[in-house]
């Protein structure tokens, strides 16, 4: 009887321990009970997460959550790297890029889009109403107008003043901890399905027509519902060169944690790109178990995570 009691207690203890959350470090958390969950880049991700959480906490789809979440940043004139109020190109034109991807692998994107405040919603229309993945420039604008979107002036007085000040100096703006771009968002809903979104006004005072990684599936955003998802922020060219988000998802498929996968991707950039000391890149990743992680090239990358009604900013570890 004593032996049976010992074995029974041992089994119960083991089962209990297996159900406890696994806390790896300050910016990585794993627990299958942490669903729904949403995470996004930078401090302005807090407000975006709040909007996404409204959808997720009501049992909504992750796709709807990420769209509604990043729309908050797109409409906020204080966010100088996304949507309305975003920094213009060198000619004073605000041009926007965005992409979205759902749990079934469907995706849509727009690039070099002008005069539309919510490119993420246009990207979703591309995904749902066309056989294509990406529309660009005037074609993307005409598609948006045909689908009920309205033209708006996206250049705020504050952004215009900053642009005019820049024109006097004509200096290159580096993407460091003070000058960053993009909001990328990943979410898992109550059903365990993952979706992601990425939207930006791109590099401030860029050459007209320049497009970064944000609207490119596999670079700025990628996910696989069997594995998890990843998104990027920072210098788009650096991310494109390594197909960053797709690489991270494949690393997770092969057993790496989200943080480990992000770190490997950053190390690849540091190894292959000789000018890596002059720019910033940050990655976020979320796997199907609810574990999340990040890693950045330089110090200063923050991101927001929301679950169980707790929305919190974390500081990413970095290569440099």
Protein backbone atom coordinates (compact mmCIF):
# COMPACT_ATOMS: atom_id res chain seq x y z
CA UNK A 1 0.00 0.00 0.00
CA UNK A 2 2.83 2.41 0.90
CA UNK A 3 4.53 1.66 -2.44
CA UNK A 4 1.28 2.32 -4.33
CA UNK A 5 0.81 5.59 -2.43
CA UNK A 6 4.39 6.65 -3.26
CA UNK A 7 3.96 5.87 -6.96
CA UNK A 8 0.61 7.65 -7.06
CA UNK A 9 2.00 10.78 -5.42
CA UNK A 10 5.03 10.75 -7.73
CA UNK A 11 2.79 10.52 -10.80
CA UNK A 12 0.56 13.35 -9.64
CA UNK A 13 3.55 15.52 -8.85
CA UNK A 14 5.03 14.89 -12.30
CA UNK A 15 1.75 15.73 -14.00
CA UNK A 16 1.42 18.89 -11.94
CA UNK A 17 4.91 20.06 -12.84
CA UNK A 18 4.28 19.40 -16.52
CA UNK A 19 1.34 21.80 -16.43
CA UNK A 20 3.28 24.68 -14.86
CA UNK A 21 4.37 27.56 -17.13
CA UNK A 22 7.96 27.37 -18.33
CA UNK A 23 9.74 30.69 -17.82
CA UNK A 24 13.02 30.80 -19.71
CA UNK A 25 14.06 34.41 -19.14
CA UNK A 26 12.72 37.94 -18.94
CA UNK A 27 11.65 38.05 -22.56
CA UNK A 28 10.60 34.47 -23.29
CA UNK A 29 7.61 32.61 -21.94
CA UNK A 30 6.15 29.23 -22.85
CA UNK A 31 2.77 27.89 -21.85
CA UNK A 32 0.08 26.15 -23.83
CA UNK A 33 -2.45 27.82 -21.52
CA UNK A 34 -1.43 31.29 -22.72
CA UNK A 35 -3.94 31.47 -25.52
CA UNK A 36 -5.04 33.87 -26.79
CA UNK A 37 -1.87 35.94 -26.98
CA UNK A 38 -0.70 38.88 -29.07
CA UNK A 39 2.70 40.54 -29.45
CA UNK A 40 3.95 43.49 -31.47
CA UNK A 41 6.99 45.66 -32.07
CA UNK A 42 7.95 48.82 -30.18
CA UNK A 43 6.21 50.83 -27.48
CA UNK A 44 3.33 51.82 -29.72
CA UNK A 45 2.55 48.11 -29.82
CA UNK A 46 0.85 48.53 -26.42
CA UNK A 47 -2.09 50.45 -27.89
CA UNK A 48 -2.19 48.10 -30.88
CA UNK A 49 -2.24 45.09 -28.57
CA UNK A 50 -5.16 46.58 -26.64
CA UNK A 51 -7.24 46.73 -29.82
CA UNK A 52 -6.22 43.22 -30.84
CA UNK A 53 -7.06 41.91 -27.38
CA UNK A 54 -10.65 43.15 -27.69
CA UNK A 55 -11.05 40.76 -30.62
CA UNK A 56 -9.13 37.87 -29.08
CA UNK A 57 -10.78 38.03 -25.66
CA UNK A 58 -14.19 37.82 -27.32
CA UNK A 59 -13.19 34.58 -29.04
CA UNK A 60 -12.43 36.29 -32.34
CA UNK A 61 -10.12 35.20 -35.09
CA UNK A 62 -6.42 36.05 -34.93
CA UNK A 63 -6.61 37.52 -38.44
CA UNK A 64 -9.21 40.07 -37.34
CA UNK A 65 -7.18 40.82 -34.23
CA UNK A 66 -3.95 41.67 -36.05
CA UNK A 67 -5.74 43.81 -38.60
CA UNK A 68 -7.60 45.81 -35.96
CA UNK A 69 -4.46 46.03 -33.84
CA UNK A 70 -2.12 47.58 -36.38
CA UNK A 71 -4.83 49.92 -37.66
CA UNK A 72 -4.41 51.76 -34.34
CA UNK A 73 -0.80 52.59 -35.20
CA UNK A 74 -1.73 53.43 -38.79
CA UNK A 75 -4.21 56.06 -37.58
CA UNK A 76 -2.02 57.56 -34.83
CA UNK A 77 -0.32 60.77 -36.01
CA UNK A 78 2.20 60.45 -33.16
CA UNK A 79 3.64 57.26 -34.66
CA UNK A 80 6.06 58.71 -37.20
CA UNK A 81 6.91 55.40 -38.85
CA UNK A 82 3.45 54.07 -39.73
CA UNK A 83 0.45 55.35 -41.69
CA UNK A 84 -0.99 58.79 -40.95
CA UNK A 85 1.81 60.99 -39.65
CA UNK A 86 4.47 58.72 -41.08
CA UNK A 87 7.66 60.34 -42.32
CA UNK A 88 7.54 61.07 -46.08
CA UNK A 89 10.08 60.21 -48.74
CA UNK A 90 12.70 62.73 -49.82
CA UNK A 91 10.14 64.41 -52.10
CA UNK A 92 7.60 64.89 -49.31
CA UNK A 93 5.25 62.04 -50.25
CA UNK A 94 3.99 59.55 -47.65
CA UNK A 95 4.13 56.08 -49.19
CA UNK A 96 2.99 53.01 -47.29
CA UNK A 97 3.71 49.27 -47.29
CA UNK A 98 1.81 46.47 -45.52
CA UNK A 99 1.14 42.75 -45.54
CA UNK A 100 -1.11 40.30 -43.73
CA UNK A 101 -1.16 36.49 -43.46
CA UNK A 102 -3.68 34.04 -42.01
CA UNK A 103 -3.58 30.56 -40.50
CA UNK A 104 -4.21 28.87 -43.83
CA UNK A 105 -1.20 30.47 -45.51
CA UNK A 106 -3.27 33.02 -47.41
CA UNK A 107 -1.57 36.39 -47.68
CA UNK A 108 -1.91 39.80 -49.25
CA UNK A 109 0.23 42.92 -49.45
CA UNK A 110 0.49 46.41 -50.84
CA UNK A 111 3.60 48.46 -51.52
CA UNK A 112 4.30 52.08 -52.48
CA UNK A 113 0.68 52.95 -51.69
CA UNK A 114 -0.23 56.63 -51.30
CA UNK A 115 -3.20 58.53 -49.80
CA UNK A 116 -4.80 55.55 -47.99
CA UNK A 117 -4.62 55.59 -44.20
CA UNK A 118 -5.05 51.85 -43.65
CA UNK A 119 -2.86 49.87 -46.04
CA UNK A 120 -3.25 46.76 -43.86
CA UNK A 121 -6.95 46.61 -44.71
CA UNK A 122 -6.18 47.06 -48.40
CA UNK A 123 -3.68 44.20 -48.11
CA UNK A 124 -6.41 42.02 -46.62
CA UNK A 125 -8.71 42.87 -49.52
CA UNK A 126 -5.94 41.85 -51.93
CA UNK A 127 -5.73 38.52 -50.09
CA UNK A 128 -9.46 37.90 -50.05
CA UNK A 129 -10.68 39.40 -53.32
CA UNK A 130 -7.89 38.75 -55.84
CA UNK A 131 -5.78 35.77 -56.96
CA UNK A 132 -2.65 37.84 -56.26
CA UNK A 133 -0.41 38.42 -53.27
CA UNK A 134 0.90 41.95 -53.94
CA UNK A 135 -0.33 45.14 -55.58
CA UNK A 136 1.87 48.22 -55.85
CA UNK A 137 1.78 51.94 -56.51
CA UNK A 138 -1.05 53.40 -58.56
CA UNK A 139 -2.49 49.92 -59.12
CA UNK A 140 -2.81 49.41 -55.39
CA UNK A 141 -4.40 52.85 -55.03
CA UNK A 142 -6.96 52.20 -57.76
CA UNK A 143 -7.82 48.84 -56.19
CA UNK A 144 -8.29 50.51 -52.81
CA UNK A 145 -10.57 53.19 -54.23
CA UNK A 146 -12.61 50.58 -56.08
CA UNK A 147 -13.14 48.78 -52.79
CA UNK A 148 -14.46 51.73 -50.85
CA UNK A 149 -11.31 53.25 -49.35
CA UNK A 150 -11.04 57.05 -49.39
CA UNK A 151 -8.09 59.22 -50.38
CA UNK A 152 -6.67 61.26 -47.51
CA UNK A 153 -3.74 63.59 -46.95
CA UNK A 154 -1.38 61.57 -44.72
CA UNK A 155 1.31 64.24 -44.30
CA UNK A 156 0.73 65.92 -40.94
CA UNK A 157 2.07 69.37 -40.16
CA UNK A 158 4.52 67.86 -37.68
CA UNK A 159 5.83 65.36 -40.24
CA UNK A 160 6.05 68.11 -42.87
CA UNK A 161 8.08 70.35 -40.56
CA UNK A 162 10.50 67.51 -39.75
CA UNK A 163 10.88 66.79 -43.47
CA UNK A 164 11.60 70.45 -44.28
CA UNK A 165 14.18 70.56 -41.49
CA UNK A 166 15.79 67.43 -42.92
CA UNK A 167 15.90 68.97 -46.42
CA UNK A 168 18.05 71.79 -45.08
CA UNK A 169 20.58 69.29 -43.72
CA UNK A 170 20.20 66.48 -46.28
CA UNK A 171 21.67 63.90 -43.89
CA UNK A 172 21.02 60.18 -44.08
CA UNK A 173 18.71 58.94 -41.33
CA UNK A 174 20.01 55.73 -39.77
CA UNK A 175 17.61 53.10 -38.48
CA UNK A 176 18.85 52.91 -34.90
CA UNK A 177 17.06 52.76 -31.56
CA UNK A 178 15.78 56.32 -32.07
CA UNK A 179 14.83 56.10 -35.74
CA UNK A 180 12.95 52.90 -36.38
CA UNK A 181 10.06 51.82 -38.53
CA UNK A 182 7.22 49.31 -38.76
CA UNK A 183 4.69 47.72 -36.50
CA UNK A 184 4.73 43.95 -36.82
CA UNK A 185 2.14 41.89 -34.93
CA UNK A 186 1.61 38.18 -34.28
CA UNK A 187 -1.41 36.65 -32.54
CA UNK A 188 -2.79 33.26 -31.55
CA UNK A 189 -6.53 33.01 -30.98
CA UNK A 190 -8.49 30.78 -28.63
CA UNK A 191 -8.63 28.05 -31.29
CA UNK A 192 -4.83 28.00 -31.48
CA UNK A 193 -4.64 29.59 -34.93
CA UNK A 194 -1.95 32.15 -35.70
CA UNK A 195 -2.02 35.20 -37.97
CA UNK A 196 0.26 38.17 -38.51
CA UNK A 197 0.39 41.70 -39.90
CA UNK A 198 3.08 44.23 -40.74
CA UNK A 199 2.65 47.87 -41.78
CA UNK A 200 4.93 50.88 -42.20
CA UNK A 201 5.60 54.20 -43.87
CA UNK A 202 9.12 52.93 -44.46
CA UNK A 203 12.48 54.58 -44.11
CA UNK A 204 12.20 58.31 -43.50
CA UNK A 205 13.19 60.50 -46.48
CA UNK A 206 13.83 57.46 -48.66
CA UNK A 207 14.33 57.60 -52.41
CA UNK A 208 10.95 57.66 -54.14
CA UNK A 209 9.81 54.14 -54.96
CA UNK A 210 11.90 52.43 -52.28
CA UNK A 211 10.17 49.44 -50.67
CA UNK A 212 11.52 47.59 -47.65
CA UNK A 213 10.79 44.22 -46.11
CA UNK A 214 7.44 45.04 -44.51
CA UNK A 215 5.15 44.06 -47.42
CA UNK A 216 7.25 41.06 -48.44
CA UNK A 217 5.99 37.69 -47.25
CA UNK A 218 8.99 35.74 -45.95
CA UNK A 219 10.99 38.85 -45.09
CA UNK A 220 8.98 41.24 -42.91
CA UNK A 221 6.41 38.59 -41.98
CA UNK A 222 5.94 34.85 -42.26
CA UNK A 223 4.00 32.16 -40.44
CA UNK A 224 3.06 28.52 -40.62
CA UNK A 225 0.11 27.40 -38.51
CA UNK A 226 1.87 24.14 -37.69
CA UNK A 227 4.91 25.95 -36.31
CA UNK A 228 4.45 29.62 -35.47
CA UNK A 229 5.26 33.03 -36.90
CA UNK A 230 7.86 35.78 -37.05
CA UNK A 231 8.03 39.44 -38.00
CA UNK A 232 10.76 42.03 -38.40
CA UNK A 233 11.50 45.71 -37.89
CA UNK A 234 14.46 47.90 -38.75
CA UNK A 235 16.46 48.12 -41.96
CA UNK A 236 14.35 46.29 -44.51
CA UNK A 237 17.16 45.65 -46.96
CA UNK A 238 19.06 43.71 -44.29
CA UNK A 239 16.02 41.54 -43.55
CA UNK A 240 15.26 40.87 -47.21
CA UNK A 241 18.82 39.66 -47.82
CA UNK A 242 18.37 36.73 -45.42
CA UNK A 243 14.58 36.14 -45.86
CA UNK A 244 14.51 36.80 -42.13
CA UNK A 245 11.01 35.86 -40.98
CA UNK A 246 10.84 32.72 -43.12
CA UNK A 247 14.24 31.64 -41.77
CA UNK A 248 13.06 32.04 -38.20
CA UNK A 249 9.93 29.95 -38.77
CA UNK A 250 12.02 27.18 -40.33
CA UNK A 251 14.44 27.29 -37.41
CA UNK A 252 11.49 26.86 -35.03
CA UNK A 253 10.25 23.98 -37.17
CA UNK A 254 13.59 22.33 -36.53
CA UNK A 255 13.35 22.67 -32.78
CA UNK A 256 14.71 26.11 -31.94
CA UNK A 257 12.86 28.27 -29.44
CA UNK A 258 11.55 31.61 -30.72
CA UNK A 259 14.37 33.50 -29.04
CA UNK A 260 17.04 31.09 -30.31
CA UNK A 261 15.66 31.39 -33.84
CA UNK A 262 15.63 35.18 -33.71
CA UNK A 263 19.19 35.21 -32.39
CA UNK A 264 20.46 32.97 -35.20
CA UNK A 265 18.86 35.24 -37.79
CA UNK A 266 20.49 38.31 -36.24
CA UNK A 267 23.85 36.53 -36.13
CA UNK A 268 23.47 35.74 -39.83
CA UNK A 269 23.01 39.45 -40.57
CA UNK A 270 26.01 40.36 -38.42
CA UNK A 271 28.16 37.79 -40.19
CA UNK A 272 27.10 38.50 -43.76
CA UNK A 273 26.53 42.27 -43.79
CA UNK A 274 29.67 44.29 -43.14
CA UNK A 275 27.85 47.54 -42.33
CA UNK A 276 25.76 45.96 -39.56
CA UNK A 277 27.09 48.40 -36.94
CA UNK A 278 25.34 51.23 -38.74
CA UNK A 279 21.73 50.02 -38.54
CA UNK A 280 19.13 48.23 -36.44
CA UNK A 281 17.10 45.06 -37.03
CA UNK A 282 14.80 43.40 -34.55
CA UNK A 283 12.87 40.14 -34.83
CA UNK A 284 9.87 38.79 -32.93
CA UNK A 285 8.75 35.16 -32.97
CA UNK A 286 5.83 33.22 -31.51
CA UNK A 287 5.43 29.46 -31.69
CA UNK A 288 2.32 27.29 -31.50
CA UNK A 289 2.97 26.45 -27.85
CA UNK A 290 2.59 30.10 -26.88
CA UNK A 291 6.31 30.64 -26.35
CA UNK A 292 7.59 33.99 -27.58
CA UNK A 293 10.97 35.58 -27.99
CA UNK A 294 12.98 38.31 -29.66
CA UNK A 295 16.47 39.38 -30.54
CA UNK A 296 17.90 42.53 -32.10
CA UNK A 297 21.10 43.67 -33.72
CA UNK A 298 21.57 46.75 -31.51
CA UNK A 299 20.32 47.66 -28.05
CA UNK A 300 17.08 49.62 -27.79
CA UNK A 301 14.51 47.29 -29.32
CA UNK A 302 11.32 47.01 -27.27
CA UNK A 303 8.20 44.97 -27.89
CA UNK A 304 4.78 44.48 -26.30
CA UNK A 305 3.09 41.21 -25.27
CA UNK A 306 -0.50 40.81 -24.09
CA UNK A 307 -2.16 37.77 -22.53
CA UNK A 308 -4.58 37.28 -19.62
CA UNK A 309 -5.42 40.99 -19.87
CA UNK A 310 -1.79 41.87 -19.04
CA UNK A 311 -0.15 44.09 -21.66
CA UNK A 312 3.54 44.65 -21.00
CA UNK A 313 6.66 46.03 -22.64
CA UNK A 314 9.82 43.90 -22.80
CA UNK A 315 13.35 44.88 -23.71
CA UNK A 316 14.96 42.61 -26.24
CA UNK A 317 18.42 41.18 -25.85
CA UNK A 318 20.79 42.20 -28.59
CA UNK A 319 23.90 41.17 -30.51
CA UNK A 320 25.76 44.42 -29.87
